[in-house]
Amino acid sequence: MKKKIFILLIVLITALPVLSFAGSGDSKWDSYLKPGNFLVSAGIGFGWGYGLSLAVYPGAELIMAQVKIAGEIPIQFGAAVKGLVNPYGWGSYTGIVLGAGGFGTAHLSFKGLNLPFDYLNRMDFYIGLGVVVNFDTGGYFSYYYNSPLSIGISSYSGVNYFINDNLAVYLEGNYWAYYGGSTVGILLKL
């Protein structure tokens, strides 16, 4: 919860100068993403599921729609799939959690605003909410949940920093139905 509040504060603090430039007429608020764009990503994350652990998150997303709020602010909506490979060793439990899920997503970029700090123009803030299924090979789920499978709600939010129109690095916070953490990765727009 603290991470989501922190990210929301960053978005609001960043958005205030952006909104003042949006109506200036010398810039056109645009986005790095358009309907029909297909994105693939891969990230490595640290989290607190069974103590500190390392996880790999592959993913793909299709941008499906765009709306412009007040005719100016472009927000894109998409559908994403993400995976999880989380090896762990915690107490007497050692195993791997494998997960997969589907998400609805929303993006807000600052491209084309000609902000005084170029790095702001390259940012794309996003959020995703969905359902995931996890399978544990090591017995932790079986002991605590009476099943090696778990199904739950998952969410993530973060920022893409576009190096060019097709390549970005990202930083995100996530909750994977049993496990929360942060991820750093690469995003490729095909």
C-alpha atoms as a PDB file:
ATOM      1  CA  MET A   1       0.000   0.000   0.000  1.00  0.00           C
ATOM      2  CA  LYS A   2       2.834   2.411   0.834  1.00  0.00           C
ATOM      3  CA  LYS A   3       4.423   1.762  -2.576  1.00  0.00           C
ATOM      4  CA  LYS A   4       1.176   2.571  -4.388  1.00  0.00           C
ATOM      5  CA  ILE A   5       0.765   5.812  -2.428  1.00  0.00           C
ATOM      6  CA  PHE A   6       4.397   6.713  -3.183  1.00  0.00           C
ATOM      7  CA  ILE A   7       3.911   6.052  -6.914  1.00  0.00           C
ATOM      8  CA  LEU A   8       0.656   8.047  -6.917  1.00  0.00           C
ATOM      9  CA  LEU A   9       2.456  10.993  -5.282  1.00  0.00           C
ATOM     10  CA  ILE A  10       5.210  10.831  -7.917  1.00  0.00           C
ATOM     11  CA  VAL A  11       2.587  10.836 -10.678  1.00  0.00           C
ATOM     12  CA  LEU A  12       0.793  13.826  -9.150  1.00  0.00           C
ATOM     13  CA  ILE A  13       3.981  15.797  -8.530  1.00  0.00           C
ATOM     14  CA  THR A  14       5.116  15.074 -12.080  1.00  0.00           C
ATOM     15  CA  ALA A  15       1.687  15.841 -13.524  1.00  0.00           C
ATOM     16  CA  LEU A  16       1.410  19.345 -12.050  1.00  0.00           C
ATOM     17  CA  PRO A  17       4.071  20.939 -14.291  1.00  0.00           C
ATOM     18  CA  VAL A  18       2.867  18.785 -17.189  1.00  0.00           C
ATOM     19  CA  LEU A  19      -0.672  20.096 -16.894  1.00  0.00           C
ATOM     20  CA  SER A  20       0.563  23.693 -16.913  1.00  0.00           C
ATOM     21  CA  PHE A  21       2.386  23.057 -20.236  1.00  0.00           C
ATOM     22  CA  ALA A  22      -0.448  21.051 -21.806  1.00  0.00           C
ATOM     23  CA  GLY A  23      -2.498  24.047 -22.832  1.00  0.00           C
ATOM     24  CA  SER A  24       0.399  26.262 -23.926  1.00  0.00           C
ATOM     25  CA  GLY A  25      -0.145  25.584 -27.651  1.00  0.00           C
ATOM     26  CA  ASP A  26       3.565  25.032 -28.412  1.00  0.00           C
ATOM     27  CA  SER A  27       3.462  21.321 -27.694  1.00  0.00           C
ATOM     28  CA  LYS A  28       1.257  18.379 -28.574  1.00  0.00           C
ATOM     29  CA  TRP A  29       0.603  15.883 -25.815  1.00  0.00           C
ATOM     30  CA  ASP A  30       1.189  12.447 -27.288  1.00  0.00           C
ATOM     31  CA  SER A  31       2.039   8.943 -26.184  1.00  0.00           C
ATOM     32  CA  TYR A  32       4.637   6.313 -26.945  1.00  0.00           C
ATOM     33  CA  LEU A  33       1.806   3.782 -27.215  1.00  0.00           C
ATOM     34  CA  LYS A  34      -1.025   3.529 -29.733  1.00  0.00           C
ATOM     35  CA  PRO A  35      -3.857   1.028 -30.214  1.00  0.00           C
ATOM     36  CA  GLY A  36      -2.477  -2.044 -31.964  1.00  0.00           C
ATOM     37  CA  ASN A  37       1.004  -1.820 -30.391  1.00  0.00           C
ATOM     38  CA  PHE A  38       2.280  -5.149 -29.092  1.00  0.00           C
ATOM     39  CA  LEU A  39       4.756  -4.984 -26.199  1.00  0.00           C
ATOM     40  CA  VAL A  40       7.020  -7.689 -24.775  1.00  0.00           C
ATOM     41  CA  SER A  41       8.874  -7.356 -21.493  1.00  0.00           C
ATOM     42  CA  ALA A  42      11.221  -9.200 -19.199  1.00  0.00           C
ATOM     43  CA  GLY A  43      12.107  -8.189 -15.681  1.00  0.00           C
ATOM     44  CA  ILE A  44      13.953  -9.339 -12.612  1.00  0.00           C
ATOM     45  CA  GLY A  45      12.350  -8.619  -9.285  1.00  0.00           C
ATOM     46  CA  PHE A  46      13.104  -8.713  -5.619  1.00  0.00           C
ATOM     47  CA  GLY A  47      10.270  -9.450  -3.264  1.00  0.00           C
ATOM     48  CA  TRP A  48       9.132 -10.494   0.144  1.00  0.00           C
ATOM     49  CA  GLY A  49       7.178 -13.715  -0.321  1.00  0.00           C
ATOM     50  CA  TYR A  50       9.279 -16.200   1.638  1.00  0.00           C
ATOM     51  CA  GLY A  51      11.957 -13.892   2.909  1.00  0.00           C
ATOM     52  CA  LEU A  52      13.888 -11.929   0.303  1.00  0.00           C
ATOM     53  CA  SER A  53      13.782 -13.764  -3.025  1.00  0.00           C
ATOM     54  CA  LEU A  54      14.579 -13.168  -6.677  1.00  0.00           C
ATOM     55  CA  ALA A  55      11.945 -13.661  -9.387  1.00  0.00           C
ATOM     56  CA  VAL A  56      11.723 -13.412 -13.186  1.00  0.00           C
ATOM     57  CA  TYR A  57       8.683 -11.791 -14.817  1.00  0.00           C
ATOM     58  CA  PRO A  58       8.154 -12.296 -18.588  1.00  0.00           C
ATOM     59  CA  GLY A  59       5.209 -10.472 -20.130  1.00  0.00           C
ATOM     60  CA  ALA A  60       3.325  -9.282 -23.192  1.00  0.00           C
ATOM     61  CA  GLU A  61       0.709  -6.574 -23.702  1.00  0.00           C
ATOM     62  CA  LEU A  62      -1.587  -5.416 -26.495  1.00  0.00           C
ATOM     63  CA  ILE A  63      -2.703  -1.773 -26.473  1.00  0.00           C
ATOM     64  CA  MET A  64      -6.374  -1.886 -27.413  1.00  0.00           C
ATOM     65  CA  ALA A  65      -7.796   1.643 -27.054  1.00  0.00           C
ATOM     66  CA  GLN A  66      -6.963   5.273 -26.413  1.00  0.00           C
ATOM     67  CA  VAL A  67      -9.076   8.072 -24.997  1.00  0.00           C
ATOM     68  CA  LYS A  68      -8.168  11.738 -24.723  1.00  0.00           C
ATOM     69  CA  ILE A  69      -9.454  13.360 -21.565  1.00  0.00           C
ATOM     70  CA  ALA A  70     -10.569  16.941 -22.253  1.00  0.00           C
ATOM     71  CA  GLY A  71      -9.303  16.450 -25.796  1.00  0.00           C
ATOM     72  CA  GLU A  72      -5.688  16.677 -24.563  1.00  0.00           C
ATOM     73  CA  ILE A  73      -4.619  13.963 -22.102  1.00  0.00           C
ATOM     74  CA  PRO A  74      -4.038  10.608 -23.877  1.00  0.00           C
ATOM     75  CA  ILE A  75      -4.648   7.465 -21.836  1.00  0.00           C
ATOM     76  CA  GLN A  76      -4.182   4.030 -23.394  1.00  0.00           C
ATOM     77  CA  PHE A  77      -5.885   0.834 -22.269  1.00  0.00           C
ATOM     78  CA  GLY A  78      -4.624  -2.664 -22.923  1.00  0.00           C
ATOM     79  CA  ALA A  79      -4.673  -6.336 -22.028  1.00  0.00           C
ATOM     80  CA  ALA A  80      -1.555  -8.034 -20.696  1.00  0.00           C
ATOM     81  CA  VAL A  81      -0.295 -11.452 -19.677  1.00  0.00           C
ATOM     82  CA  LYS A  82       2.558 -11.883 -17.227  1.00  0.00           C
ATOM     83  CA  GLY A  83       4.434 -14.858 -15.911  1.00  0.00           C
ATOM     84  CA  LEU A  84       6.327 -15.531 -12.710  1.00  0.00           C
ATOM     85  CA  VAL A  85       9.267 -17.816 -11.996  1.00  0.00           C
ATOM     86  CA  ASN A  86      10.130 -17.470  -8.288  1.00  0.00           C
ATOM     87  CA  PRO A  87      12.701 -19.901  -6.853  1.00  0.00           C
ATOM     88  CA  TYR A  88      12.842 -19.782  -3.068  1.00  0.00           C
ATOM     89  CA  GLY A  89      14.457 -21.295  -0.048  1.00  0.00           C
ATOM     90  CA  TRP A  90      12.750 -20.454   3.201  1.00  0.00           C
ATOM     91  CA  GLY A  91      13.226 -22.478   6.343  1.00  0.00           C
ATOM     92  CA  SER A  92      12.621 -26.123   5.494  1.00  0.00           C
ATOM     93  CA  TYR A  93      10.904 -25.167   2.220  1.00  0.00           C
ATOM     94  CA  THR A  94      12.769 -25.053  -1.078  1.00  0.00           C
ATOM     95  CA  GLY A  95      11.027 -24.873  -4.421  1.00  0.00           C
ATOM     96  CA  ILE A  96       9.847 -22.776  -7.315  1.00  0.00           C
ATOM     97  CA  VAL A  97       6.568 -20.924  -7.685  1.00  0.00           C
ATOM     98  CA  LEU A  98       5.384 -20.736 -11.307  1.00  0.00           C
ATOM     99  CA  GLY A  99       2.617 -18.275 -12.060  1.00  0.00           C
ATOM    100  CA  ALA A 100       0.651 -16.767 -14.933  1.00  0.00           C
ATOM    101  CA  GLY A 101      -2.025 -14.129 -15.069  1.00  0.00           C
ATOM    102  CA  GLY A 102      -4.120 -11.834 -17.206  1.00  0.00           C
ATOM    103  CA  PHE A 103      -4.414  -8.085 -16.582  1.00  0.00           C
ATOM    104  CA  GLY A 104      -6.246  -4.989 -17.694  1.00  0.00           C
ATOM    105  CA  THR A 105      -3.845  -2.037 -18.052  1.00  0.00           C
ATOM    106  CA  ALA A 106      -3.830   1.751 -18.373  1.00  0.00           C
ATOM    107  CA  HIS A 107      -0.957   4.056 -19.483  1.00  0.00           C
ATOM    108  CA  LEU A 108      -0.263   7.789 -19.303  1.00  0.00           C
ATOM    109  CA  SER A 109       2.721   9.193 -21.258  1.00  0.00           C
ATOM    110  CA  PHE A 110       4.187  12.696 -21.421  1.00  0.00           C
ATOM    111  CA  LYS A 111       5.622  12.545 -24.949  1.00  0.00           C
ATOM    112  CA  GLY A 112       5.514  15.757 -26.964  1.00  0.00           C
ATOM    113  CA  LEU A 113       4.976  18.179 -24.092  1.00  0.00           C
ATOM    114  CA  ASN A 114       8.417  19.795 -24.426  1.00  0.00           C
ATOM    115  CA  LEU A 115       8.854  19.862 -20.671  1.00  0.00           C
ATOM    116  CA  PRO A 116      11.947  21.593 -19.304  1.00  0.00           C
ATOM    117  CA  PHE A 117      13.392  18.260 -18.153  1.00  0.00           C
ATOM    118  CA  ASP A 118      13.698  15.847 -21.093  1.00  0.00           C
ATOM    119  CA  TYR A 119      13.464  12.762 -18.882  1.00  0.00           C
ATOM    120  CA  LEU A 120       9.846  13.691 -18.042  1.00  0.00           C
ATOM    121  CA  ASN A 121       8.965  13.675 -21.758  1.00  0.00           C
ATOM    122  CA  ARG A 122      10.181  10.058 -21.976  1.00  0.00           C
ATOM    123  CA  MET A 123       8.074   8.671 -19.113  1.00  0.00           C
ATOM    124  CA  ASP A 124       5.036   6.437 -19.401  1.00  0.00           C
ATOM    125  CA  PHE A 125       3.226   5.680 -16.125  1.00  0.00           C
ATOM    126  CA  TYR A 126       1.126   2.530 -16.015  1.00  0.00           C
ATOM    127  CA  ILE A 127      -1.006   0.311 -13.828  1.00  0.00           C
ATOM    128  CA  GLY A 128      -2.361  -3.229 -14.229  1.00  0.00           C
ATOM    129  CA  LEU A 129      -4.957  -5.249 -12.324  1.00  0.00           C
ATOM    130  CA  GLY A 130      -5.789  -8.910 -12.881  1.00  0.00           C
ATOM    131  CA  VAL A 131      -6.074 -12.507 -11.722  1.00  0.00           C
ATOM    132  CA  VAL A 132      -3.160 -14.935 -11.414  1.00  0.00           C
ATOM    133  CA  VAL A 133      -2.744 -18.674 -10.901  1.00  0.00           C
ATOM    134  CA  ASN A 134       0.335 -19.957  -9.052  1.00  0.00           C
ATOM    135  CA  PHE A 135       1.773 -23.463  -8.704  1.00  0.00           C
ATOM    136  CA  ASP A 136       4.310 -24.245  -5.962  1.00  0.00           C
ATOM    137  CA  THR A 137       6.743 -27.155  -6.442  1.00  0.00           C
ATOM    138  CA  GLY A 138       8.234 -26.916  -2.941  1.00  0.00           C
ATOM    139  CA  GLY A 139       5.420 -27.627  -0.513  1.00  0.00           C
ATOM    140  CA  TYR A 140       4.940 -24.189   1.057  1.00  0.00           C
ATOM    141  CA  PHE A 141       1.505 -23.662  -0.529  1.00  0.00           C
ATOM    142  CA  SER A 142       0.469 -27.225   0.345  1.00  0.00           C
ATOM    143  CA  TYR A 143       1.354 -26.678   3.984  1.00  0.00           C
ATOM    144  CA  TYR A 144      -0.248 -23.245   4.387  1.00  0.00           C
ATOM    145  CA  TYR A 145      -3.051 -23.350   1.798  1.00  0.00           C
ATOM    146  CA  ASN A 146      -3.733 -27.134   1.611  1.00  0.00           C
ATOM    147  CA  SER A 147      -3.040 -27.084  -2.143  1.00  0.00           C
ATOM    148  CA  PRO A 148      -0.030 -26.529  -4.395  1.00  0.00           C
ATOM    149  CA  LEU A 149      -2.237 -24.131  -6.432  1.00  0.00           C
ATOM    150  CA  SER A 150      -3.354 -20.639  -5.516  1.00  0.00           C
ATOM    151  CA  ILE A 151      -5.548 -18.181  -7.383  1.00  0.00           C
ATOM    152  CA  GLY A 152      -5.674 -14.527  -6.462  1.00  0.00           C
ATOM    153  CA  ILE A 153      -5.850 -10.878  -7.395  1.00  0.00           C
ATOM    154  CA  SER A 154      -2.639  -9.273  -8.596  1.00  0.00           C
ATOM    155  CA  SER A 155      -1.640  -5.707  -9.360  1.00  0.00           C
ATOM    156  CA  TYR A 156       1.350  -3.768 -10.559  1.00  0.00           C
ATOM    157  CA  SER A 157       2.208  -0.156 -11.268  1.00  0.00           C
ATOM    158  CA  GLY A 158       5.298   1.602 -12.461  1.00  0.00           C
ATOM    159  CA  VAL A 159       7.015   3.758 -15.007  1.00  0.00           C
ATOM    160  CA  ASN A 160       8.524   3.013 -18.414  1.00  0.00           C
ATOM    161  CA  TYR A 161      11.401   5.258 -19.479  1.00  0.00           C
ATOM    162  CA  PHE A 162      11.559   5.242 -23.279  1.00  0.00           C
ATOM    163  CA  ILE A 163      15.117   5.319 -24.603  1.00  0.00           C
ATOM    164  CA  ASN A 164      13.693   5.562 -28.128  1.00  0.00           C
ATOM    165  CA  ASP A 165      10.221   5.012 -29.628  1.00  0.00           C
ATOM    166  CA  ASN A 166      10.503   1.207 -29.393  1.00  0.00           C
ATOM    167  CA  LEU A 167      12.695   0.480 -26.362  1.00  0.00           C
ATOM    168  CA  ALA A 168      12.151   1.293 -22.695  1.00  0.00           C
ATOM    169  CA  VAL A 169      13.470   0.321 -19.303  1.00  0.00           C
ATOM    170  CA  TYR A 170      10.966   0.005 -16.495  1.00  0.00           C
ATOM    171  CA  LEU A 171      10.673   0.035 -12.729  1.00  0.00           C
ATOM    172  CA  GLU A 172       7.532  -1.307 -11.082  1.00  0.00           C
ATOM    173  CA  GLY A 173       6.048  -2.348  -7.794  1.00  0.00           C
ATOM    174  CA  ASN A 174       3.859  -5.437  -7.773  1.00  0.00           C
ATOM    175  CA  TYR A 175       1.700  -7.705  -5.693  1.00  0.00           C
ATOM    176  CA  TRP A 176       1.373 -11.257  -7.035  1.00  0.00           C
ATOM    177  CA  ALA A 177      -1.488 -12.686  -4.895  1.00  0.00           C
ATOM    178  CA  TYR A 178       0.930 -13.919  -2.191  1.00  0.00           C
ATOM    179  CA  TYR A 179       4.091 -11.954  -2.850  1.00  0.00           C
ATOM    180  CA  GLY A 180       4.954  -8.274  -3.115  1.00  0.00           C
ATOM    181  CA  GLY A 181       8.068  -6.691  -4.469  1.00  0.00           C
ATOM    182  CA  SER A 182       9.717  -4.537  -7.083  1.00  0.00           C
ATOM    183  CA  THR A 183      10.946  -5.265 -10.585  1.00  0.00           C
ATOM    184  CA  VAL A 184      13.369  -3.703 -13.043  1.00  0.00           C
ATOM    185  CA  GLY A 185      13.280  -4.730 -16.688  1.00  0.00           C
ATOM    186  CA  ILE A 186      13.236  -4.017 -20.400  1.00  0.00           C
ATOM    187  CA  LEU A 187      10.206  -3.370 -22.620  1.00  0.00           C
ATOM    188  CA  LEU A 188      10.227  -3.725 -26.398  1.00  0.00           C
ATOM    189  CA  LYS A 189       7.453  -2.321 -28.612  1.00  0.00           C
ATOM    190  CA  LEU A 190       6.991  -4.439 -31.743  1.00  0.00           C
END
